[in-house]
N, C-alpha and C. Protein backbone atom coordinates (compact mmCIF):
# COMPACT_ATOMS: atom_id res chain seq x y z
N UNK A 1 1.55 -20.07 3.88
CA UNK A 1 1.41 -18.44 3.84
C UNK A 1 0.30 -18.13 4.38
N UNK A 2 0.30 -17.12 5.43
CA UNK A 2 -0.77 -16.50 6.21
C UNK A 2 -1.55 -15.63 5.19
N UNK A 3 -2.86 -16.20 4.94
CA UNK A 3 -3.76 -15.35 4.27
C UNK A 3 -4.00 -13.82 4.51
N UNK A 4 -3.70 -13.48 5.72
CA UNK A 4 -3.96 -12.02 6.39
C UNK A 4 -2.72 -11.31 6.28
N UNK A 5 -1.63 -12.03 6.11
CA UNK A 5 -0.37 -11.15 6.07
C UNK A 5 -0.10 -10.23 4.77
N UNK A 6 0.21 -9.21 4.86
CA UNK A 6 0.35 -8.36 3.89
C UNK A 6 1.62 -8.66 3.10
N UNK A 7 1.57 -8.80 1.87
CA UNK A 7 2.86 -9.42 1.25
C UNK A 7 3.89 -8.08 1.05
N UNK A 8 5.11 -8.31 1.62
CA UNK A 8 5.99 -7.33 1.76
C UNK A 8 7.16 -7.45 0.66
N UNK A 9 7.21 -8.27 -0.18
CA UNK A 9 8.27 -8.66 -1.06
C UNK A 9 7.51 -9.22 -2.53
N UNK A 10 8.33 -9.05 -3.53
CA UNK A 10 7.85 -9.82 -4.67
C UNK A 10 7.64 -11.26 -4.51
N UNK A 11 8.57 -11.82 -3.81
CA UNK A 11 8.30 -13.38 -3.35
C UNK A 11 7.15 -13.68 -2.81
N UNK A 12 6.70 -12.72 -1.86
CA UNK A 12 5.37 -13.01 -1.20
C UNK A 12 4.32 -12.78 -2.10
N UNK A 13 4.50 -11.63 -2.94
CA UNK A 13 3.49 -11.27 -3.99
C UNK A 13 3.19 -12.64 -4.75
N UNK A 14 4.26 -13.31 -5.37
CA UNK A 14 4.29 -14.44 -6.22
C UNK A 14 3.68 -15.63 -5.31
N UNK A 15 3.90 -15.72 -4.24
CA UNK A 15 3.25 -16.81 -3.45
C UNK A 15 1.63 -16.46 -3.51
N UNK A 16 1.23 -15.23 -2.98
CA UNK A 16 -0.17 -15.00 -2.97
C UNK A 16 -0.65 -15.37 -4.28
N UNK A 17 -0.18 -14.86 -5.39
CA UNK A 17 -0.80 -15.08 -6.74
C UNK A 17 -1.03 -16.49 -6.99
N UNK A 18 0.07 -17.38 -6.79
CA UNK A 18 -0.14 -18.72 -6.78
C UNK A 18 -1.43 -19.31 -5.76
N UNK A 19 -1.09 -18.77 -4.68
CA UNK A 19 -2.08 -19.21 -3.68
C UNK A 19 -3.62 -19.19 -4.11
N UNK A 20 -3.71 -17.79 -4.61
CA UNK A 20 -5.00 -17.41 -5.20
C UNK A 20 -5.58 -18.32 -6.51
N UNK A 21 -4.58 -18.49 -7.34
CA UNK A 21 -5.04 -19.37 -8.53
C UNK A 21 -5.32 -20.68 -8.11
N UNK A 22 -4.42 -21.12 -7.13
CA UNK A 22 -4.65 -22.75 -6.50
C UNK A 22 -6.18 -22.82 -5.97
N UNK A 23 -6.64 -21.71 -5.49
CA UNK A 23 -8.14 -21.73 -4.95
C UNK A 23 -9.15 -21.30 -5.75
N UNK A 24 -8.65 -21.23 -7.12
CA UNK A 24 -9.71 -20.99 -8.00
C UNK A 24 -9.95 -19.34 -8.41
N UNK A 25 -9.16 -18.59 -7.73
CA UNK A 25 -9.35 -17.07 -7.79
C UNK A 25 -8.04 -16.47 -8.45
N UNK A 26 -7.93 -16.65 -9.82
CA UNK A 26 -6.82 -15.88 -10.42
C UNK A 26 -6.87 -14.48 -10.34
N UNK A 27 -5.51 -13.82 -9.98
CA UNK A 27 -5.42 -12.57 -9.61
C UNK A 27 -4.05 -12.08 -10.26
N UNK A 28 -4.21 -10.93 -10.94
CA UNK A 28 -2.97 -10.31 -11.33
C UNK A 28 -1.95 -9.89 -10.40
N UNK A 29 -0.70 -10.16 -10.71
CA UNK A 29 0.54 -9.79 -9.97
C UNK A 29 0.39 -8.19 -9.40
N UNK A 30 -0.03 -7.35 -10.36
CA UNK A 30 -0.04 -6.08 -10.14
C UNK A 30 -1.14 -5.67 -9.16
N UNK A 31 -2.24 -6.39 -9.17
CA UNK A 31 -3.45 -6.11 -8.32
C UNK A 31 -3.04 -6.66 -6.72
N UNK A 32 -2.36 -7.71 -6.72
CA UNK A 32 -1.78 -8.10 -5.34
C UNK A 32 -0.88 -6.94 -4.87
N UNK A 33 0.00 -6.27 -5.63
CA UNK A 33 0.92 -5.51 -5.17
C UNK A 33 0.02 -4.21 -4.89
N UNK A 34 -1.08 -3.88 -5.65
CA UNK A 34 -1.91 -2.56 -5.01
C UNK A 34 -2.46 -2.75 -3.95
N UNK A 35 -3.06 -3.90 -3.69
CA UNK A 35 -3.76 -4.15 -2.31
C UNK A 35 -2.61 -4.28 -1.32
N UNK A 36 -1.55 -4.85 -1.42
CA UNK A 36 -0.64 -4.90 -0.32
C UNK A 36 -0.14 -3.57 -0.18
N UNK A 37 0.09 -2.56 -1.09
CA UNK A 37 0.67 -1.16 -0.69
C UNK A 37 -0.47 -0.49 0.04
N UNK A 38 -1.82 -0.58 -0.63
CA UNK A 38 -2.83 -0.02 0.24
C UNK A 38 -2.91 -0.53 1.50
N UNK A 39 -3.15 -1.76 1.97
CA UNK A 39 -3.06 -2.45 3.16
C UNK A 39 -2.05 -1.99 3.87
N UNK A 40 -0.64 -2.02 3.50
CA UNK A 40 0.59 -1.69 4.28
C UNK A 40 0.69 -0.30 4.53
N UNK A 41 0.23 0.64 3.90
CA UNK A 41 0.08 1.93 4.15
C UNK A 41 -0.89 2.17 5.08
N UNK A 42 -2.04 1.52 5.13
CA UNK A 42 -3.12 1.64 6.29
C UNK A 42 -2.55 1.25 7.47
N UNK A 43 -1.70 0.23 7.38
CA UNK A 43 -1.19 -0.33 8.86
C UNK A 43 -0.21 0.66 9.24
N UNK A 44 0.75 1.23 8.46
CA UNK A 44 1.77 2.46 8.83
C UNK A 44 0.77 3.54 9.46
N UNK A 45 -0.34 3.99 8.76
CA UNK A 45 -1.11 4.95 9.37
C UNK A 45 -1.66 4.74 10.65
N UNK A 46 -2.36 3.50 10.61
CA UNK A 46 -2.77 3.22 12.00
C UNK A 46 -1.97 3.24 12.98
N UNK A 47 -0.70 2.56 12.92
CA UNK A 47 0.33 2.59 13.80
C UNK A 47 0.72 3.87 14.42
N UNK A 48 0.90 4.69 13.34
CA UNK A 48 1.29 6.15 13.74
C UNK A 48 0.46 6.91 14.52
N UNK A 49 -0.80 6.71 14.10
CA UNK A 49 -2.07 7.25 14.95
C UNK A 49 -2.58 6.63 16.12
N UNK A 50 -1.99 5.39 16.40
CA UNK A 50 -2.47 4.50 17.58
C UNK A 50 -3.88 4.19 17.34
N UNK A 51 -4.33 4.06 16.12
CA UNK A 51 -5.71 3.85 16.24
C UNK A 51 -6.16 3.78 14.52
N UNK A 52 -7.49 3.37 14.18
CA UNK A 52 -7.69 3.55 12.99
C UNK A 52 -8.68 4.63 12.88
N UNK A 53 -8.00 5.84 12.61
CA UNK A 53 -8.76 7.22 12.42
C UNK A 53 -8.84 7.50 11.12
N UNK A 54 -8.06 7.01 10.17
CA UNK A 54 -8.14 7.67 8.62
C UNK A 54 -8.12 6.28 7.83
N UNK A 55 -8.78 6.40 6.82
CA UNK A 55 -9.15 5.34 5.82
C UNK A 55 -8.32 5.76 4.54
N UNK A 56 -7.71 4.66 4.02
CA UNK A 56 -6.60 4.89 3.02
C UNK A 56 -7.13 4.19 1.78
N UNK A 57 -7.21 4.88 0.54
CA UNK A 57 -7.61 4.44 -0.63
C UNK A 57 -6.47 4.95 -1.66
N UNK A 58 -6.71 4.31 -2.74
CA UNK A 58 -5.80 4.84 -4.06
C UNK A 58 -6.73 5.63 -4.65
N UNK A 59 -5.96 6.59 -5.23
CA UNK A 59 -6.98 7.61 -6.29
C UNK A 59 -7.22 6.71 -7.50
N UNK A 60 -7.90 7.41 -8.34
CA UNK A 60 -8.45 6.71 -9.41
C UNK A 60 -7.46 6.22 -10.69
N UNK A 61 -6.27 6.65 -10.66
CA UNK A 61 -5.06 6.28 -11.46
C UNK A 61 -4.18 5.45 -10.70
N UNK A 62 -4.47 4.98 -9.54
CA UNK A 62 -3.48 4.14 -8.70
C UNK A 62 -2.09 4.78 -8.68
N UNK A 63 -2.02 6.03 -8.50
CA UNK A 63 -0.90 6.91 -8.41
C UNK A 63 -0.61 7.15 -6.93
N UNK A 64 -1.53 7.70 -6.48
CA UNK A 64 -1.49 8.22 -4.85
C UNK A 64 -2.19 7.56 -4.09
N UNK A 65 -1.75 7.54 -2.79
CA UNK A 65 -2.56 6.63 -1.74
C UNK A 65 -3.07 8.02 -0.76
N UNK A 66 -4.21 7.91 -0.60
CA UNK A 66 -5.00 8.98 -0.17
C UNK A 66 -5.61 8.70 1.28
N UNK A 67 -5.74 9.80 2.12
CA UNK A 67 -6.19 9.49 3.41
C UNK A 67 -7.38 10.24 3.62
N UNK A 68 -8.56 9.80 4.08
CA UNK A 68 -9.84 10.24 4.57
C UNK A 68 -10.08 10.04 6.01
N UNK A 69 -10.61 10.99 6.82
CA UNK A 69 -10.86 11.02 8.11
C UNK A 69 -12.34 10.28 8.40
N UNK A 70 -12.58 10.16 9.75
CA UNK A 70 -13.98 9.59 10.15
C UNK A 70 -15.15 10.10 9.07
N UNK A 71 -15.05 11.38 8.95
CA UNK A 71 -16.16 11.92 8.26
C UNK A 71 -16.12 11.79 6.71
N UNK A 72 -15.00 10.95 6.16
CA UNK A 72 -14.83 10.89 4.72
C UNK A 72 -14.36 12.06 4.10
N UNK A 73 -13.73 13.01 5.02
CA UNK A 73 -12.97 14.21 4.51
C UNK A 73 -11.61 13.80 3.99
N UNK A 74 -11.19 14.21 2.95
CA UNK A 74 -9.78 14.09 2.25
C UNK A 74 -8.71 14.87 3.33
N UNK A 75 -7.85 14.03 3.82
CA UNK A 75 -6.71 14.55 4.69
C UNK A 75 -5.66 14.90 4.13
N UNK A 76 -5.05 13.89 3.15
CA UNK A 76 -3.97 14.36 2.44
C UNK A 76 -3.39 12.87 1.50
N UNK A 77 -2.34 13.14 0.90
CA UNK A 77 -2.13 11.99 0.06
C UNK A 77 -0.39 11.88 -0.13
N UNK A 78 0.03 10.53 -0.38
CA UNK A 78 1.26 10.51 -0.81
C UNK A 78 1.25 9.89 -2.38
N UNK A 79 2.25 10.30 -2.87
CA UNK A 79 2.52 10.06 -4.29
C UNK A 79 4.02 9.86 -4.62
N UNK A 80 4.44 9.22 -5.69
CA UNK A 80 5.72 9.13 -5.99
C UNK A 80 6.25 10.72 -6.38
N UNK A 81 7.58 10.75 -6.12
CA UNK A 81 8.10 12.17 -6.46
C UNK A 81 8.30 12.18 -7.97
N UNK A 82 8.03 13.62 -8.52
CA UNK A 82 8.06 13.89 -9.77
C UNK A 82 9.25 13.23 -10.38
N UNK A 83 8.86 12.44 -11.65
CA UNK A 83 9.87 11.66 -12.46
C UNK A 83 10.14 10.48 -11.95
N UNK A 84 9.75 9.88 -10.79
CA UNK A 84 9.97 8.62 -10.27
C UNK A 84 8.46 7.64 -10.83
N UNK A 85 8.75 6.41 -11.00
CA UNK A 85 7.55 5.50 -11.53
C UNK A 85 6.56 5.41 -10.44
N UNK A 86 5.52 4.90 -10.65
CA UNK A 86 4.36 4.52 -9.75
C UNK A 86 5.00 3.73 -8.56
N UNK A 87 4.22 3.70 -7.50
CA UNK A 87 4.68 2.76 -6.31
C UNK A 87 4.78 1.44 -6.63
N UNK A 88 3.64 0.87 -7.61
CA UNK A 88 3.72 -0.22 -7.96
C UNK A 88 5.15 -0.64 -8.69
N UNK A 89 5.36 0.03 -9.46
CA UNK A 89 6.47 -0.28 -10.41
C UNK A 89 7.77 -0.12 -9.32
N UNK A 90 7.93 0.84 -8.57
CA UNK A 90 8.81 0.98 -7.58
C UNK A 90 8.84 -0.46 -6.70
N UNK A 91 7.78 -0.87 -6.23
CA UNK A 91 7.73 -2.24 -5.54
C UNK A 91 8.13 -3.20 -6.08
N UNK A 92 8.03 -3.44 -7.53
CA UNK A 92 8.67 -4.43 -8.12
C UNK A 92 10.20 -4.63 -8.37
N UNK A 93 10.75 -3.22 -8.24
CA UNK A 93 12.32 -3.15 -8.22
C UNK A 93 12.85 -3.24 -6.83
N UNK A 94 12.24 -2.75 -5.94
CA UNK A 94 12.72 -2.49 -4.50
C UNK A 94 11.67 -2.41 -3.53
N UNK A 95 11.05 -3.43 -3.28
CA UNK A 95 9.85 -3.48 -2.17
C UNK A 95 10.21 -2.75 -0.86
N UNK A 96 11.47 -3.15 -0.40
CA UNK A 96 11.89 -2.60 0.99
C UNK A 96 11.93 -1.28 0.81
N UNK A 97 12.66 -0.43 -0.22
CA UNK A 97 12.74 0.76 -0.45
C UNK A 97 11.36 1.63 -0.32
N UNK A 98 10.16 0.91 -1.13
CA UNK A 98 8.89 1.61 -1.12
C UNK A 98 8.49 1.66 0.26
N UNK A 99 8.42 0.44 1.18
CA UNK A 99 7.97 0.43 2.49
C UNK A 99 8.55 1.90 3.38
N UNK A 100 10.01 2.02 2.95
CA UNK A 100 10.57 2.87 3.83
C UNK A 100 10.09 4.42 3.43
N UNK A 101 9.90 4.46 2.19
CA UNK A 101 9.47 5.61 1.58
C UNK A 101 7.90 6.10 2.08
N UNK A 102 7.16 5.10 1.96
CA UNK A 102 5.96 5.25 2.54
C UNK A 102 5.90 5.59 3.99
N UNK A 103 6.59 4.96 4.96
CA UNK A 103 6.69 5.36 6.28
C UNK A 103 7.12 6.67 6.44
N UNK A 104 8.08 7.27 5.60
CA UNK A 104 8.65 8.60 5.85
C UNK A 104 7.52 9.61 5.54
N UNK A 105 6.72 9.23 4.29
CA UNK A 105 5.77 10.03 3.75
C UNK A 105 4.63 10.24 4.64
N UNK A 106 4.13 9.27 5.33
CA UNK A 106 3.09 9.51 6.19
C UNK A 106 3.32 10.14 7.36
N UNK A 107 4.61 10.28 7.78
CA UNK A 107 4.96 11.04 8.79
C UNK A 107 4.77 12.63 8.41
N UNK A 108 5.11 12.72 7.29
CA UNK A 108 5.02 14.19 6.77
C UNK A 108 3.34 14.72 6.74
N UNK A 109 2.75 13.84 6.26
CA UNK A 109 1.39 14.20 6.19
C UNK A 109 0.46 14.10 7.52
N UNK A 110 0.90 13.12 8.61
CA UNK A 110 0.09 13.35 9.75
C UNK A 110 0.84 14.00 10.89
N UNK A 111 2.32 14.29 10.57
CA UNK A 111 2.97 14.97 11.52
C UNK A 111 3.56 14.03 12.60
N UNK A 112 3.52 12.84 12.45
CA UNK A 112 4.01 11.93 13.45
C UNK A 112 4.92 11.12 12.88
């Protein structure tokens, strides 16, 4: 497994967890998912903007993925629709669906 590849499915998350444990760095499945979602969303944003102009971070509750510009000013965020579980929980149930959701959501925030 490529260490730099963003896990896109629960199978890839499980493989990353196993790899990290094998290397002496035990990590929780949920933490791997959180990082995958953050890194994947960053990749979507960068692709839509044709460059790295915004930085993506989780909010303090790991509910919303937030975007900040080069001056560290808040630009916008995406979060699950009301009544829907967290992106982490959604990823566990339907990883591909979450990626499509995030792709559509970023378009609404940045207009591309």
